[in-house]
Protein backbone atom coordinates (compact mmCIF):
# COMPACT_ATOMS: atom_id res chain seq x y z
CA MET A 1 46.77 266.05 19.49
CA ALA A 2 44.42 268.48 21.21
CA LEU A 3 45.26 266.80 24.51
CA GLU A 4 48.95 267.25 23.81
CA ALA A 5 48.40 270.93 22.99
CA ILE A 6 46.45 271.41 26.23
CA ASN A 7 49.21 269.71 28.20
CA GLU A 8 51.83 271.86 26.50
CA ILE A 9 49.82 274.98 27.32
CA LYS A 10 49.48 273.87 30.96
CA GLU A 11 53.20 273.15 31.11
CA ALA A 12 53.97 276.56 29.56
CA GLU A 13 51.64 278.22 32.11
CA LYS A 14 53.46 276.46 34.97
CA LYS A 15 56.82 277.56 33.60
CA ALA A 16 55.50 281.11 33.18
CA GLU A 17 54.21 281.12 36.78
CA ALA A 18 57.59 279.82 38.00
CA ILE A 19 59.37 282.53 36.00
CA ILE A 20 57.02 285.20 37.40
CA THR A 21 57.50 283.92 40.96
CA GLU A 22 61.27 283.89 40.52
CA ALA A 23 61.19 287.37 38.98
CA LYS A 24 59.15 288.67 41.93
CA GLN A 25 61.59 287.08 44.38
CA ASN A 26 64.54 288.56 42.48
CA ALA A 27 62.85 291.97 42.50
CA LYS A 28 62.36 291.75 46.28
CA GLU A 29 66.01 290.80 46.75
CA ILE A 30 67.16 293.64 44.50
CA VAL A 31 65.04 296.15 46.44
CA SER A 32 66.26 294.74 49.75
CA ASN A 33 69.91 294.89 48.65
CA ALA A 34 69.47 298.39 47.27
CA THR A 35 67.89 299.51 50.55
CA LYS A 36 70.76 298.01 52.56
CA GLU A 37 73.35 299.61 50.28
CA ALA A 38 71.54 302.95 50.50
CA GLU A 39 71.53 302.76 54.31
CA VAL A 40 75.24 301.94 54.38
CA GLU A 41 76.04 304.77 51.97
CA TYR A 42 73.81 307.16 53.95
CA ASP A 43 75.62 306.25 57.17
CA GLN A 44 78.98 306.78 55.48
CA ILE A 45 77.90 310.18 54.17
CA ILE A 46 76.63 311.21 57.62
CA ASN A 47 79.82 310.00 59.31
CA ASN A 48 81.99 311.83 56.77
CA ALA A 49 79.93 314.99 57.27
CA LYS A 50 80.31 314.72 61.06
CA ILE A 51 84.06 314.24 60.72
CA LYS A 52 84.30 317.24 58.38
CA ALA A 53 82.15 319.34 60.74
CA ASN A 54 84.36 318.41 63.69
CA ASP A 55 87.49 319.23 61.69
CA LEU A 56 86.05 322.62 60.70
CA LEU A 57 85.03 323.33 64.30
CA ASN A 58 88.46 322.39 65.62
CA ALA A 59 90.15 324.52 62.99
CA ALA A 60 87.92 327.48 63.88
CA LEU A 61 88.65 327.01 67.58
CA GLU A 62 92.37 326.86 66.94
CA GLU A 63 92.21 329.98 64.78
CA GLY A 64 90.14 331.78 67.41
CA ASN A 65 92.57 330.80 70.15
CA SER A 66 95.58 331.93 68.13
CA ASN A 67 93.85 335.22 67.23
CA SER A 68 92.88 335.90 70.84
CA GLU A 69 96.30 335.08 72.28
CA PRO A 70 97.89 338.50 71.57
CA ILE A 71 94.82 340.28 72.93
CA LEU A 72 94.92 338.24 76.12
CA LYS A 73 98.65 338.90 76.53
CA MET A 74 98.05 342.61 76.09
CA GLY A 75 95.26 342.47 78.68
CA GLU A 76 97.55 340.67 81.10
CA LYS A 77 100.20 343.35 80.59
CA ASP A 78 97.61 346.06 81.26
CA ILE A 79 96.48 344.27 84.42
CA GLU A 80 100.05 343.96 85.60
CA ALA A 81 100.70 347.64 84.84
CA ILE A 82 97.65 348.63 86.90
CA ARG A 83 98.72 346.37 89.76
CA ASN A 84 102.23 347.85 89.70
CA MET A 85 101.02 351.46 89.84
CA SER A 86 102.21 353.35 92.84
CA GLN A 87 99.69 354.09 95.55
CA GLU A 88 100.14 357.81 94.86
CA VAL A 89 99.00 357.41 91.23
CA LYS A 90 96.00 355.31 92.34
CA ASP A 91 95.03 357.89 94.98
CA ASN A 92 95.36 360.69 92.42
CA ALA A 93 93.10 358.82 89.95
CA ILE A 94 90.53 358.21 92.71
CA ASN A 95 90.54 361.90 93.66
CA ILE A 96 90.03 362.98 90.05
CA VAL A 97 87.05 360.64 89.65
CA VAL A 98 85.54 361.74 92.99
CA GLU A 99 85.98 365.43 92.10
CA ARG A 100 84.22 364.99 88.77
CA ILE A 101 81.32 363.14 90.39
CA VAL A 102 80.99 365.76 93.10
CA LYS A 103 81.17 368.63 90.59
CA ILE A 104 78.51 367.04 88.39
CA HIS A 105 76.13 366.01 91.17
CA GLY A 106 77.24 368.42 93.89
CA ASN A 107 75.25 371.37 92.52
CA SER A 108 71.98 369.47 92.22
């Protein structure tokens, strides 16, 4: 009877060790799977953030381009107006500027 009890205890210890070993293996697998899932989710979050950042950047560029378009057109009109000025008007403007410079610095 004592021998049977000892054998039962040894058998129970073996089963307990097998359960512990299996539990440790399961724990390692769970941690490994969780790590893989976390990496996949992290990559998805980063990719989504990059896509959103690119979308925001493109939207800002489009808005900037549309806002600058009237200003550029106005600048082009001003350039064309200056180019189309008669030579007499250009000469007159040059003379006015030269006279002011000479008057300011001429008495020095």
